[in-house]
Amino acid sequence: MYRVAIVGRPNVGKSTLFNKLTRSRKAIVGDQPGITRDRNLAEAEWDGKRFSIVDTGGILPDESGPGADPDAPERMLDLTLEQAEVALQDSDLILFLVDGRQGLTPADRSLNSFLRESNREFLLVVNKIDTARIEDEAAEFYQLGVDRLFCVSAEHSLGLDELLEEILSRVEESPEAESREEIRVAIIGRPNMGKSSLLNQLLGEERVIVTETPGTTRDAVDSALTYRDRHYRLIDTAGIRRKGKTKGMAEKLSVVMARRNMERADVVLLVIDAVEGATKLDATVGGYAHEAGKSLIIVVNKWDLVDRDSYTAIKLEKEYRSRMRFLDFAPMVFVSALTGQRVFKLLDFVDRAYDARRKRVSTGELNRLLQKELQPLLESTGSSRKTPVMYASQTSVSPPTFVIFTRTRRKLHFSLERFVINRLRQAYGFFATPIRVRQRIRPRKR
C-alpha cells in the first residue's frame, strides 16, 4: 500500500494533520512539543483510493532550535529520531510540515537539507495558515528550493483538498478490498511494565521506543502482525496511572486515550510486573477491560528477573489472583519480553479467547442446561416461586450475553447470576472471556 509519512520539527501540527487525513482522533494533539514519539500508522481512504499515513515524532536536527523540549532527555531525542528515520525509509512520499505562523527557522533549513540528502520525494506543507496575511508571509518558505507550497490549516481543515488531490494523483485505484478477519489486541497496564518491549518482541523489530523511563509511550501505536495465517492488530497503549499521579496535559490525555483505544480491542493483554507483584492499580486497570466486556489475559512480565523454583509460578499466581478475584476467568501467563520466553504462547491464548467471545449457544441447548442445573437449585432453596425462571436466550456475542426471562420484577440474586455464569463457563468454556447475564421481565398474558 502507498505510504505517506508526515515529518517536521516538534509542535508544527503533524498529529493534527494525521488525524484530519485519517478522519480519526487516533493521535494525541496538544500545544506541548514532543507529545508524539513513536511511529503512528493508520489507513486513509479518499475518493476510492486507499493509502497509509505515518505520524512521526518531531525531528530536531538542531536540538537547541525553536520548539525544543528542554525536559526531553538526550536518549529520548535520539530514539525519536531513529523512529522518524525508519518511517522515512519505508515511505513513498513525505509531507514536510512547517509552521506558517512561526516562519522559517534554522531547524526547518536543517531538516530540509536532511530530506534532500535522503533523496526522498517530499511535499512542503505550510501549516497554521488561517488568514490571508499569514499566507502572504508563507512565501519565505520558497527559500527551501521547492517549486510549490501547500498552505493548509490542519486544525480548521483549510487547504486540505489541494493537498489530498496531489497525494491521490500518486496513488493507484484501490481494488475491492478482500474481507480479512483481524484480531485486535490491546496491551495495557501501569507505566514501565514492559508493554512496548512485549510488542517489539512479537513484531521482531524496534517498532516502539523502549526506555527505563516510565511514560515513554503516549500515543496508542497500532501494528499489524500475521502469525500462522491469522492476522492481528496490536495496540500498544500508554501506561495508566492513578488519577492523582498524572502530570501535564500530554500525560493526562495519554491515559484517556489508552482507555479509549482499549475499547477498540477484542482481546486485552494486562501486563503486570513479576518483581513488583500485582497491585491495587493493576486490578483497577483490569477492571476497565472487564467493564468494557473484553477478553482478558494476564501477562506477568519480567519473569527472567525472579528467583524461582518449580513452585514459584503456582505460589505467585495464587497470590496475584487473591488481589484480582473478579478476574478469575482470565488465564495468567508468565513471560519475559526481554528474552522472548513464552511470548508467542500469548497468541495461542489470544486465538482461543477471540474464538470463545464469538461463540453462540442455541436457545434449546441453553434451556436444557438451565432446566437441568438451575431448576433443582431454585427448588432446593425455596426460590422457585419467588423467582420463576421461564427461559433464557443468548442475545449477543463479544462478549457473550445471556438474558433470563422471569415473571417477576424481583431482581435475581447475585449468587444466582454467579451460579449461572459458572455453569455456562463449565459447559461451554468461554475461555478468558467475561459472561454477561441480564434479567428481563416477561409480562403476564391478560
Protein backbone atom coordinates (compact mmCIF):
# COMPACT_ATOMS: atom_id res chain seq x y z
CA MET A 1 0.00 0.00 0.00
CA TYR A 2 1.21 3.51 -0.86
CA ARG A 3 2.67 5.05 2.29
CA VAL A 4 2.85 8.74 3.24
CA ALA A 5 4.95 9.96 6.18
CA ILE A 6 4.44 13.28 7.96
CA VAL A 7 7.68 14.78 9.28
CA GLY A 8 8.70 18.09 10.75
CA ARG A 9 10.14 19.64 13.86
CA PRO A 10 8.14 19.46 17.10
CA ASN A 11 4.81 21.26 17.50
CA VAL A 12 4.13 22.14 13.87
CA GLY A 13 0.83 20.21 13.81
CA LYS A 14 1.83 16.79 12.47
CA SER A 15 -0.61 14.87 14.66
CA THR A 16 -3.45 17.28 13.85
CA LEU A 17 -2.87 16.75 10.12
CA PHE A 18 -2.60 12.98 10.68
CA ASN A 19 -5.99 12.94 12.43
CA LYS A 20 -7.59 15.01 9.65
CA LEU A 21 -6.26 12.84 6.84
CA THR A 22 -7.24 9.60 8.59
CA ARG A 23 -10.56 11.08 9.77
CA SER A 24 -9.84 9.88 13.28
CA ARG A 25 -8.70 11.10 16.67
CA LYS A 26 -6.05 8.43 16.98
CA ALA A 27 -3.08 10.70 17.68
CA ILE A 28 -2.87 12.85 20.80
CA VAL A 29 -2.86 16.57 19.96
CA GLY A 30 -1.66 19.35 22.23
CA ASP A 31 0.44 22.50 22.42
CA GLN A 32 3.25 20.78 24.29
CA PRO A 33 6.19 19.90 21.99
CA GLY A 34 7.30 16.29 21.74
CA ILE A 35 3.98 14.57 22.51
CA THR A 36 4.40 12.09 19.64
CA ARG A 37 7.44 9.83 19.97
CA ASP A 38 6.70 6.54 18.22
CA ARG A 39 5.59 5.98 14.65
CA ASN A 40 1.81 6.13 14.49
CA LEU A 41 0.31 4.30 11.50
CA ALA A 42 -3.23 4.36 10.12
CA GLU A 43 -5.00 3.87 6.81
CA ALA A 44 -6.87 6.60 4.94
CA GLU A 45 -9.40 6.31 2.12
CA TRP A 46 -10.45 9.19 -0.13
CA ASP A 47 -12.28 9.02 -3.45
CA GLY A 48 -11.97 5.24 -3.58
CA LYS A 49 -8.21 5.29 -3.09
CA ARG A 50 -6.53 3.89 0.00
CA PHE A 51 -3.11 4.72 1.39
CA SER A 52 -1.39 4.56 4.76
CA ILE A 53 -0.18 7.56 6.76
CA VAL A 54 2.62 7.58 9.32
CA ASP A 55 2.79 10.24 12.03
CA THR A 56 6.30 10.69 13.43
CA GLY A 57 7.87 12.33 16.43
CA GLY A 58 9.33 15.79 15.96
CA ILE A 59 12.72 15.76 14.22
CA LEU A 60 15.04 18.46 15.52
CA PRO A 61 18.49 18.26 13.87
CA ASP A 62 19.42 21.41 15.82
CA GLU A 63 18.34 20.42 19.33
CA SER A 64 18.67 23.98 20.57
CA GLY A 65 16.32 25.33 17.91
CA PRO A 66 12.80 26.65 18.39
CA GLY A 67 10.35 24.10 19.69
CA ALA A 68 12.94 22.03 21.53
CA ASP A 69 11.71 20.18 24.55
CA PRO A 70 14.06 21.25 27.37
CA ASP A 71 12.87 18.39 29.57
CA ALA A 72 13.40 15.63 26.99
CA PRO A 73 16.47 13.54 27.80
CA GLU A 74 19.07 13.23 25.05
CA ARG A 75 18.46 9.46 24.76
CA MET A 76 14.74 10.08 24.10
CA LEU A 77 15.53 12.58 21.35
CA ASP A 78 17.86 10.06 19.70
CA LEU A 79 15.25 7.28 19.85
CA THR A 80 12.53 9.56 18.46
CA LEU A 81 14.84 10.47 15.58
CA GLU A 82 15.51 6.77 14.91
CA GLN A 83 11.77 6.09 14.69
CA ALA A 84 11.29 9.01 12.29
CA GLU A 85 14.18 7.82 10.08
CA VAL A 86 12.62 4.35 9.82
CA ALA A 87 9.35 6.00 8.74
CA LEU A 88 11.22 7.94 6.03
CA GLN A 89 12.89 4.80 4.67
CA ASP A 90 9.59 2.90 4.48
CA SER A 91 7.58 5.71 2.82
CA ASP A 92 6.82 6.55 -0.80
CA LEU A 93 6.03 10.22 -0.17
CA ILE A 94 6.92 12.62 2.64
CA LEU A 95 4.87 15.58 3.82
CA PHE A 96 7.42 18.04 5.21
CA LEU A 97 5.35 20.13 7.61
CA VAL A 98 6.41 23.60 8.75
CA ASP A 99 4.77 26.28 10.91
CA GLY A 100 3.50 29.24 8.87
CA ARG A 101 2.90 31.38 11.95
CA GLN A 102 6.41 30.98 13.29
CA GLY A 103 8.02 31.35 9.90
CA LEU A 104 11.17 29.76 8.50
CA THR A 105 13.56 28.60 11.24
CA PRO A 106 17.13 27.24 11.24
CA ALA A 107 15.68 23.86 12.28
CA ASP A 108 13.48 23.87 9.14
CA ARG A 109 16.54 24.59 6.99
CA SER A 110 18.47 21.76 8.62
CA LEU A 111 15.59 19.33 8.15
CA ASN A 112 15.21 20.42 4.51
CA SER A 113 18.89 19.57 3.91
CA PHE A 114 18.41 16.26 5.71
CA LEU A 115 15.46 15.33 3.46
CA ARG A 116 17.27 16.31 0.27
CA GLU A 117 20.29 14.22 1.24
CA SER A 118 17.97 11.24 1.77
CA ASN A 119 16.79 11.55 -1.88
CA ARG A 120 13.16 11.07 -0.82
CA GLU A 121 10.28 12.76 -2.65
CA PHE A 122 8.55 15.29 -0.43
CA LEU A 123 5.89 17.98 -0.50
CA LEU A 124 6.42 21.14 1.55
CA VAL A 125 3.26 21.79 3.57
CA VAL A 126 2.94 25.10 5.41
CA ASN A 127 0.54 24.60 8.32
CA LYS A 128 -1.41 27.05 10.51
CA ILE A 129 -2.30 29.26 7.52
CA ASP A 130 -5.73 30.57 8.52
CA THR A 131 -5.51 34.23 7.41
CA ALA A 132 -4.57 35.93 4.15
CA ARG A 133 -1.74 37.83 5.88
CA ILE A 134 -0.05 34.64 7.06
CA GLU A 135 -0.49 33.10 3.60
CA ASP A 136 1.39 36.03 2.05
CA GLU A 137 4.19 35.66 4.60
CA ALA A 138 4.43 31.91 3.86
CA ALA A 139 6.21 32.80 0.58
CA GLU A 140 9.50 32.90 2.50
CA PHE A 141 9.44 29.08 2.53
CA TYR A 142 10.29 29.14 -1.19
CA GLN A 143 13.84 29.77 0.07
CA LEU A 144 13.95 26.00 0.73
CA GLY A 145 14.16 25.43 -3.02
CA VAL A 146 10.71 24.00 -3.72
CA ASP A 147 8.55 24.80 -6.73
CA ARG A 148 5.25 24.64 -4.91
CA LEU A 149 3.88 25.24 -1.41
CA PHE A 150 0.77 23.65 0.03
CA CYS A 151 -0.70 26.13 2.50
CA VAL A 152 -3.12 24.50 4.95
CA SER A 153 -4.68 24.87 8.35
CA ALA A 154 -4.98 21.31 9.65
CA GLU A 155 -6.91 22.48 12.70
CA HIS A 156 -9.57 24.25 10.62
CA SER A 157 -9.47 21.87 7.60
CA LEU A 158 -8.39 24.64 5.21
CA GLY A 159 -6.39 23.85 2.07
CA LEU A 160 -6.59 20.09 2.58
CA ASP A 161 -8.44 19.45 -0.70
CA GLU A 162 -5.48 20.65 -2.78
CA LEU A 163 -3.03 18.61 -0.70
CA LEU A 164 -5.19 15.49 -0.94
CA GLU A 165 -5.53 15.92 -4.69
CA GLU A 166 -1.74 15.92 -5.01
CA ILE A 167 -1.38 12.84 -2.81
CA LEU A 168 -4.15 10.93 -4.60
CA SER A 169 -2.60 11.67 -8.00
CA ARG A 170 0.24 9.37 -6.93
CA VAL A 171 -1.97 6.60 -5.50
CA GLU A 172 -3.41 3.86 -7.69
CA GLU A 173 -7.07 2.93 -7.57
CA SER A 174 -7.65 0.50 -4.71
CA PRO A 175 -9.05 -2.86 -5.80
CA GLU A 176 -12.01 -4.12 -3.86
CA ALA A 177 -10.52 -4.97 -0.51
CA GLU A 178 -10.78 -8.61 0.43
CA SER A 179 -12.50 -9.07 3.73
CA ARG A 180 -9.77 -10.12 6.13
CA GLU A 181 -10.51 -11.17 9.66
CA GLU A 182 -8.28 -9.26 12.04
CA ILE A 183 -7.98 -9.84 15.79
CA ARG A 184 -7.46 -6.58 17.67
CA VAL A 185 -5.25 -6.97 20.73
CA ALA A 186 -4.63 -4.13 23.19
CA ILE A 187 -1.62 -4.19 25.51
CA ILE A 188 -2.44 -2.31 28.72
CA GLY A 189 -1.01 -1.84 32.19
CA ARG A 190 0.75 0.53 34.52
CA PRO A 191 3.78 2.52 33.26
CA ASN A 192 7.10 0.70 32.91
CA MET A 193 5.60 -2.81 32.90
CA GLY A 194 7.29 -3.72 29.59
CA LYS A 195 4.31 -3.25 27.26
CA SER A 196 6.36 -1.77 24.43
CA SER A 197 9.07 -4.41 24.87
CA LEU A 198 6.39 -7.08 24.56
CA LEU A 199 5.10 -5.51 21.35
CA ASN A 200 8.60 -5.28 19.87
CA GLN A 201 9.26 -8.94 20.77
CA LEU A 202 6.07 -10.04 18.99
CA LEU A 203 6.88 -7.97 15.91
CA GLY A 204 10.57 -8.84 15.83
CA GLU A 205 11.58 -5.18 15.43
CA GLU A 206 12.03 -1.96 17.38
CA ARG A 207 8.56 -0.72 16.49
CA VAL A 208 8.18 1.49 19.56
CA ILE A 209 10.60 3.30 21.80
CA VAL A 210 11.67 1.43 24.92
CA THR A 211 13.48 3.09 27.83
CA GLU A 212 13.54 2.68 31.60
CA THR A 213 11.70 5.98 31.93
CA PRO A 214 8.03 5.43 32.86
CA GLY A 215 5.56 7.03 30.48
CA THR A 216 7.67 6.77 27.31
CA THR A 217 4.66 5.72 25.22
CA ARG A 218 1.98 8.40 24.86
CA ASP A 219 0.01 7.60 21.72
CA ALA A 220 -1.58 4.21 21.17
CA VAL A 221 0.57 2.58 18.49
CA ASP A 222 -1.11 0.18 16.06
CA SER A 223 0.94 -2.55 14.42
CA ALA A 224 -0.10 -5.32 12.04
CA LEU A 225 1.12 -8.87 12.63
CA THR A 226 0.48 -12.09 10.70
CA TYR A 227 1.29 -15.32 12.52
CA ARG A 228 0.32 -18.82 11.39
CA ASP A 229 -2.16 -17.45 8.83
CA ARG A 230 -4.02 -15.31 11.38
CA HIS A 231 -3.95 -11.54 11.29
CA TYR A 232 -3.61 -9.36 14.37
CA ARG A 233 -3.69 -5.63 15.04
CA LEU A 234 -1.58 -4.98 18.12
CA ILE A 235 -2.35 -1.80 20.04
CA ASP A 236 0.36 -0.61 22.44
CA THR A 237 -1.17 1.89 24.88
CA ALA A 238 0.26 4.40 27.30
CA GLY A 239 0.74 3.34 30.90
CA ILE A 240 -2.33 4.03 33.04
CA ARG A 241 -1.58 5.84 36.30
CA ARG A 242 -3.78 6.75 39.23
CA LYS A 243 -5.68 9.97 38.54
CA GLY A 244 -3.74 11.92 41.14
CA LYS A 245 -0.39 10.84 39.70
CA THR A 246 -0.81 12.20 36.15
CA LYS A 247 1.16 15.37 35.48
CA GLY A 248 0.83 17.61 32.46
CA MET A 249 -1.67 17.71 29.64
CA ALA A 250 0.08 15.10 27.48
CA GLU A 251 0.20 12.55 30.27
CA LYS A 252 -3.46 13.05 31.24
CA LEU A 253 -4.55 12.76 27.60
CA SER A 254 -2.47 9.62 27.10
CA VAL A 255 -4.33 7.87 29.94
CA VAL A 256 -7.71 8.86 28.46
CA MET A 257 -6.61 7.67 25.01
CA ALA A 258 -5.29 4.39 26.47
CA ARG A 259 -8.74 3.55 27.80
CA ARG A 260 -10.42 4.65 24.58
CA ASN A 261 -8.08 2.56 22.42
CA MET A 262 -8.55 -0.44 24.70
CA GLU A 263 -12.23 -0.32 23.79
CA ARG A 264 -11.29 -0.92 20.13
CA ALA A 265 -9.81 -4.31 21.04
CA ASP A 266 -11.25 -7.81 21.10
CA VAL A 267 -8.66 -9.21 23.49
CA VAL A 268 -6.68 -7.33 26.14
CA LEU A 269 -3.25 -8.28 27.48
CA LEU A 270 -2.94 -6.89 31.02
CA VAL A 271 0.79 -6.65 31.73
CA ILE A 272 1.95 -6.74 35.35
CA ASP A 273 5.43 -6.87 36.88
CA ALA A 274 6.62 -10.21 38.28
CA VAL A 275 9.09 -8.41 40.56
CA GLU A 276 6.69 -5.83 41.98
CA GLY A 277 3.74 -8.21 42.03
CA ALA A 278 0.07 -7.43 41.46
CA THR A 279 -1.07 -4.09 42.87
CA LYS A 280 -4.40 -2.41 43.50
CA LEU A 281 -3.86 -0.32 40.37
CA ASP A 282 -3.30 -3.48 38.30
CA ALA A 283 -6.71 -4.70 39.48
CA THR A 284 -8.22 -1.32 38.60
CA VAL A 285 -6.77 -1.43 35.08
CA GLY A 286 -8.02 -4.99 34.67
CA GLY A 287 -11.41 -3.77 35.84
CA TYR A 288 -11.50 -1.30 32.94
CA ALA A 289 -11.16 -4.20 30.49
CA HIS A 290 -13.73 -6.28 32.36
CA GLU A 291 -16.26 -3.42 32.37
CA ALA A 292 -15.74 -2.98 28.63
CA GLY A 293 -16.51 -6.69 28.08
CA LYS A 294 -13.10 -7.54 26.65
CA SER A 295 -11.50 -10.95 26.73
CA LEU A 296 -8.55 -10.71 29.09
CA ILE A 297 -5.19 -12.42 29.53
CA ILE A 298 -2.98 -11.51 32.49
CA VAL A 299 0.66 -11.31 31.39
CA VAL A 300 3.19 -11.50 34.21
CA ASN A 301 6.28 -9.93 32.64
CA LYS A 302 9.95 -9.81 33.74
CA TRP A 303 9.84 -13.49 34.71
CA ASP A 304 13.58 -13.68 33.96
CA LEU A 305 14.28 -11.40 36.95
CA VAL A 306 12.59 -13.66 39.51
CA ASP A 307 14.47 -16.17 41.64
CA ARG A 308 12.28 -19.22 41.22
CA ASP A 309 11.83 -22.92 41.62
CA SER A 310 9.21 -25.34 40.30
CA TYR A 311 6.59 -23.99 42.73
CA THR A 312 7.17 -20.25 42.32
CA ALA A 313 4.66 -19.74 39.49
CA ILE A 314 1.92 -21.61 41.37
CA LYS A 315 2.57 -19.63 44.54
CA LEU A 316 2.65 -16.26 42.77
CA GLU A 317 -0.46 -16.97 40.71
CA LYS A 318 -2.39 -17.78 43.89
CA GLU A 319 -1.13 -14.56 45.47
CA TYR A 320 -1.96 -12.41 42.43
CA ARG A 321 -5.43 -13.88 42.00
CA SER A 322 -6.27 -13.12 45.63
CA ARG A 323 -5.93 -9.44 44.68
CA MET A 324 -7.92 -9.75 41.46
CA ARG A 325 -10.67 -12.22 42.36
CA PHE A 326 -13.15 -10.78 39.86
CA LEU A 327 -10.73 -11.69 37.04
CA ASP A 328 -10.79 -15.40 37.87
CA PHE A 329 -11.80 -16.18 34.27
CA ALA A 330 -8.56 -14.66 32.88
CA PRO A 331 -5.63 -17.06 32.32
CA MET A 332 -2.25 -16.00 33.68
CA VAL A 333 0.94 -16.39 31.64
CA PHE A 334 4.47 -15.81 32.97
CA VAL A 335 6.69 -14.32 30.24
CA SER A 336 9.86 -12.38 29.63
CA ALA A 337 9.51 -9.72 26.96
CA LEU A 338 13.28 -9.22 27.14
CA THR A 339 14.24 -12.83 26.31
CA GLY A 340 11.07 -13.81 24.44
CA GLN A 341 10.22 -16.61 26.89
CA ARG A 342 6.63 -17.79 26.27
CA VAL A 343 5.79 -14.56 24.40
CA PHE A 344 4.34 -16.33 21.35
CA LYS A 345 2.30 -18.60 23.59
CA LEU A 346 0.23 -15.47 24.19
CA LEU A 347 -1.02 -15.60 20.60
CA ASP A 348 -2.37 -19.12 21.19
CA PHE A 349 -4.31 -17.74 24.14
CA VAL A 350 -5.47 -14.76 22.09
CA ASP A 351 -6.81 -17.10 19.38
CA ARG A 352 -8.75 -19.16 21.92
CA ALA A 353 -10.16 -16.06 23.59
CA TYR A 354 -11.20 -14.50 20.28
CA ASP A 355 -13.00 -17.66 19.19
CA ALA A 356 -14.66 -18.02 22.59
CA ARG A 357 -16.06 -14.49 22.71
CA ARG A 358 -17.90 -15.10 19.41
CA LYS A 359 -19.37 -18.46 20.42
CA ARG A 360 -23.16 -18.88 20.31
CA VAL A 361 -25.31 -21.33 22.26
CA SER A 362 -28.67 -22.27 20.78
CA THR A 363 -31.76 -21.40 22.82
CA GLY A 364 -32.83 -25.04 23.04
CA GLU A 365 -29.44 -26.23 24.26
CA LEU A 366 -29.20 -23.37 26.74
CA ASN A 367 -32.60 -24.06 28.26
CA ARG A 368 -31.92 -27.76 28.58
CA LEU A 369 -28.79 -26.90 30.55
CA LEU A 370 -30.58 -24.43 32.81
CA GLN A 371 -33.50 -26.79 33.35
CA LYS A 372 -31.05 -29.43 34.48
CA GLU A 373 -28.83 -27.17 36.60
CA LEU A 374 -30.88 -24.15 37.67
CA GLN A 375 -34.31 -25.52 38.50
CA PRO A 376 -33.07 -28.02 41.14
CA LEU A 377 -31.13 -25.19 42.78
CA LEU A 378 -34.21 -22.96 42.92
CA GLU A 379 -36.34 -25.72 44.34
CA SER A 380 -33.75 -26.68 46.97
CA THR A 381 -33.54 -23.09 48.20
CA GLY A 382 -37.28 -22.45 48.04
CA SER A 383 -36.72 -19.74 45.44
CA SER A 384 -38.60 -21.24 42.52
CA ARG A 385 -41.82 -19.43 43.44
CA LYS A 386 -40.10 -16.17 44.32
CA THR A 387 -38.13 -16.05 41.06
CA PRO A 388 -39.95 -18.15 38.46
CA VAL A 389 -37.47 -18.51 35.60
CA MET A 390 -39.29 -19.04 32.30
CA TYR A 391 -36.48 -19.48 29.79
CA ALA A 392 -33.15 -17.99 28.67
CA SER A 393 -31.59 -16.94 25.40
CA GLN A 394 -28.21 -15.71 24.19
CA THR A 395 -28.79 -12.27 22.74
CA SER A 396 -25.31 -11.27 21.58
CA VAL A 397 -21.63 -12.14 21.39
CA SER A 398 -18.43 -10.20 22.06
CA PRO A 399 -18.91 -10.59 24.97
CA PRO A 400 -21.40 -13.49 25.24
CA THR A 401 -24.58 -12.04 26.73
CA PHE A 402 -27.50 -14.08 28.03
CA VAL A 403 -30.97 -12.92 29.03
CA ILE A 404 -33.03 -14.81 31.61
CA PHE A 405 -36.74 -14.17 31.29
CA THR A 406 -38.77 -14.20 34.52
CA ARG A 407 -42.36 -13.42 35.51
CA THR A 408 -41.40 -11.31 38.48
CA ARG A 409 -39.80 -7.93 38.94
CA ARG A 410 -37.76 -9.29 41.83
CA LYS A 411 -34.11 -8.92 40.86
CA LEU A 412 -32.12 -12.10 40.50
CA HIS A 413 -29.84 -12.57 43.47
CA PHE A 414 -26.18 -12.02 42.61
CA SER A 415 -25.38 -15.56 43.81
CA LEU A 416 -27.85 -16.91 41.24
CA GLU A 417 -26.19 -14.89 38.49
CA ARG A 418 -22.81 -16.20 39.60
CA PHE A 419 -24.15 -19.77 39.58
CA VAL A 420 -25.44 -19.37 36.03
CA ILE A 421 -22.16 -17.84 34.83
CA ASN A 422 -20.14 -20.65 36.40
CA ARG A 423 -22.36 -23.34 34.82
CA LEU A 424 -22.14 -21.67 31.41
CA ARG A 425 -18.36 -21.50 31.67
CA GLN A 426 -18.12 -25.13 32.74
CA ALA A 427 -20.37 -26.26 29.89
CA TYR A 428 -19.12 -24.08 27.04
CA GLY A 429 -15.73 -22.76 28.08
CA PHE A 430 -15.82 -19.10 27.03
CA PHE A 431 -12.07 -19.05 27.55
CA ALA A 432 -10.66 -15.78 29.01
CA THR A 433 -13.95 -14.05 28.30
CA PRO A 434 -16.43 -12.34 30.64
CA ILE A 435 -20.04 -13.54 30.51
CA ARG A 436 -22.94 -11.13 30.89
CA VAL A 437 -26.25 -12.27 32.41
CA ARG A 438 -29.26 -9.95 32.22
CA GLN A 439 -32.78 -10.30 33.57
CA ARG A 440 -35.87 -9.38 31.63
CA ILE A 441 -39.42 -9.46 32.89
CA ARG A 442 -41.95 -11.02 30.58
CA PRO A 443 -45.42 -9.54 31.24
CA ARG A 444 -48.19 -11.94 32.10
CA LYS A 445 -50.80 -12.59 29.45
CA ARG A 446 -54.15 -10.99 30.19
